[in-house]
Protein backbone atom coordinates (compact mmCIF):
# COMPACT_ATOMS: atom_id res chain seq x y z
CA MET A 1 -124.76 -65.68 55.49
CA PRO A 2 -122.58 -66.21 52.40
CA GLY A 3 -121.91 -69.77 51.24
CA PRO A 4 -118.37 -70.31 52.65
CA LEU A 5 -119.30 -68.87 56.07
CA ARG A 6 -122.44 -71.00 56.20
CA HIS A 7 -120.34 -74.08 55.44
CA LEU A 8 -117.78 -73.18 58.14
CA TRP A 9 -120.54 -72.49 60.68
CA ARG A 10 -122.25 -75.82 60.01
CA HIS A 11 -119.09 -77.92 60.07
CA HIS A 12 -116.77 -76.00 62.44
CA PRO A 13 -118.85 -73.78 64.76
CA ILE A 14 -116.36 -73.87 67.64
CA ALA A 15 -113.34 -73.07 65.45
CA LEU A 16 -115.21 -70.24 63.71
CA SER A 17 -116.35 -68.82 67.07
CA LEU A 18 -112.80 -68.95 68.46
CA PHE A 19 -111.44 -67.29 65.32
CA ALA A 20 -114.07 -64.52 65.54
CA ALA A 21 -113.27 -63.96 69.23
CA ALA A 22 -109.52 -63.80 68.50
CA ALA A 23 -110.07 -61.38 65.62
CA LEU A 24 -112.23 -59.16 67.84
CA ALA A 25 -109.62 -59.22 70.61
CA ALA A 26 -106.89 -58.28 68.12
CA LEU A 27 -109.03 -55.41 66.83
CA VAL A 28 -109.70 -54.09 70.34
CA LEU A 29 -105.98 -54.25 71.23
CA ALA A 30 -105.03 -52.50 67.98
CA VAL A 31 -107.50 -49.69 68.68
CA ARG A 32 -106.21 -49.33 72.27
CA LEU A 33 -102.60 -49.19 71.04
CA THR A 34 -103.50 -46.54 68.46
CA LEU A 35 -105.35 -44.38 71.00
CA PHE A 36 -102.58 -44.75 73.61
CA THR A 37 -99.90 -43.82 71.08
CA ALA A 38 -101.84 -40.82 69.80
CA TYR A 39 -102.52 -39.59 73.36
CA TRP A 40 -98.91 -39.73 74.55
CA ALA A 41 -97.53 -38.39 71.26
CA ASP A 42 -99.29 -35.08 71.98
CA PRO A 43 -96.73 -32.71 73.58
CA GLU A 44 -99.40 -31.35 75.93
CA HIS A 45 -99.39 -34.67 77.80
CA ARG A 46 -95.66 -34.65 78.47
CA ARG A 47 -94.24 -33.17 81.67
CA GLN A 48 -97.64 -32.07 82.91
CA HIS A 49 -97.88 -30.29 86.23
CA PRO A 50 -99.37 -32.75 88.76
CA GLU A 51 -103.08 -32.36 89.38
CA PRO A 52 -105.38 -34.00 91.96
CA TRP A 53 -107.06 -36.28 89.37
CA MET A 54 -103.79 -37.81 88.17
CA THR A 55 -102.52 -41.17 89.37
CA PRO A 56 -98.87 -41.72 90.30
CA GLY A 57 -98.50 -43.91 87.23
CA TYR A 58 -99.82 -41.14 84.98
CA VAL A 59 -97.34 -38.66 86.47
CA ALA A 60 -94.49 -41.16 86.08
CA HIS A 61 -95.41 -41.80 82.45
CA SER A 62 -95.78 -38.11 81.69
CA TRP A 63 -92.33 -37.34 83.15
CA HIS A 64 -90.61 -40.53 81.89
CA LEU A 65 -89.75 -41.62 85.42
CA PRO A 66 -89.97 -45.07 86.99
CA PRO A 67 -93.31 -45.38 88.83
CA ASP A 68 -91.58 -46.48 92.05
CA MET A 69 -89.63 -43.19 92.14
CA VAL A 70 -92.87 -41.19 92.05
CA LEU A 71 -94.48 -43.51 94.63
CA ARG A 72 -91.55 -43.07 97.03
CA GLN A 73 -91.73 -39.31 96.61
CA ILE A 74 -95.40 -39.20 97.64
CA GLY A 75 -94.79 -41.49 100.61
CA LEU A 76 -95.80 -44.94 99.38
CA ASP A 77 -93.59 -48.03 99.48
CA GLN A 78 -95.67 -49.97 96.98
CA PRO A 79 -98.38 -49.12 94.46
CA PRO A 80 -101.98 -48.89 95.66
CA LYS A 81 -104.12 -51.96 94.99
CA LYS A 82 -106.24 -50.02 92.51
CA HIS A 83 -105.72 -46.85 90.50
CA ARG A 84 -105.93 -44.07 93.07
CA SER A 85 -105.69 -40.38 92.29
CA LEU A 86 -103.18 -38.12 94.03
CA LYS A 87 -106.09 -36.56 95.95
CA ASP A 88 -107.27 -39.97 97.20
CA ILE A 89 -103.72 -40.91 98.21
CA ALA A 90 -103.29 -37.59 100.04
CA ASP A 91 -106.57 -38.22 101.88
CA ASP A 92 -105.38 -41.72 102.85
CA LEU A 93 -102.08 -40.33 104.13
CA GLY A 94 -103.82 -37.53 106.04
CA VAL A 95 -101.97 -34.84 104.08
CA PRO A 96 -103.64 -31.94 102.27
CA ALA A 97 -103.71 -32.69 98.54
CA ASP A 98 -102.21 -29.27 97.76
CA VAL A 99 -99.17 -30.03 99.92
CA LEU A 100 -98.62 -33.46 98.39
CA ILE A 101 -98.96 -32.05 94.86
CA ALA A 102 -96.67 -29.09 95.61
CA ASP A 103 -93.99 -31.45 97.00
CA LEU A 104 -94.32 -33.71 93.97
CA ALA A 105 -94.12 -30.72 91.59
CA ALA A 106 -90.96 -29.49 93.34
CA PHE A 107 -89.42 -32.97 93.05
CA LEU A 108 -90.29 -33.15 89.34
CA ALA A 109 -88.84 -29.69 88.70
CA GLU A 110 -85.66 -30.72 90.54
CA GLN A 111 -85.40 -33.88 88.44
CA SER A 112 -85.93 -31.87 85.28
CA GLN A 113 -83.37 -29.19 86.14
CA SER A 114 -80.70 -31.57 87.35
CA GLY A 115 -81.06 -33.69 84.24
CA GLN A 116 -80.97 -36.73 86.49
CA ALA A 117 -84.33 -38.04 85.43
CA PRO A 118 -83.43 -41.60 84.55
CA ASN A 119 -83.80 -42.83 81.02
CA THR A 120 -85.93 -45.95 81.31
CA HIS A 121 -84.32 -47.37 78.16
CA ALA A 122 -80.73 -46.93 79.29
CA PRO A 123 -78.77 -49.81 80.80
CA THR A 124 -78.86 -49.86 84.58
CA GLU A 125 -75.20 -50.72 84.94
CA GLU A 126 -72.42 -48.29 84.16
CA PRO A 127 -69.76 -49.57 81.80
CA PRO A 128 -66.36 -50.26 83.39
CA THR A 129 -63.86 -47.45 83.05
CA GLU A 130 -60.55 -48.16 81.42
CA GLN A 131 -57.48 -47.59 83.53
CA ALA A 132 -54.19 -46.37 82.16
CA PRO A 133 -51.48 -49.03 82.26
CA SER A 134 -49.07 -48.55 85.12
CA GLU A 135 -45.42 -48.08 84.32
């Protein structure tokens, strides 16, 4: 161990350990952010056709829709307690996975064609319209 680190370890072992843990956590989070950004920047991962392995959250992210909109479409009022695939959710609901996925794909196509897929960054309230002054 180099001189300054040896000195820090002897005189401040707890502070050095906490600093090392914080630096490691920051590194892990930076790597995760980089991988996440690179994955979703790839055009192949946008507007993907639903598949049995996908989760509702994955579909929502891929189509830029609120997760609750996708959950309502597949028949759930609230998200599952753990990440469940569309196939697992279909099994839980007693519906064939192909039917659930076909219904979801039709809904996504309708959202895409109508242009009504909400922008998650847009304000939720519409601005007031101006009225012409009455004479």
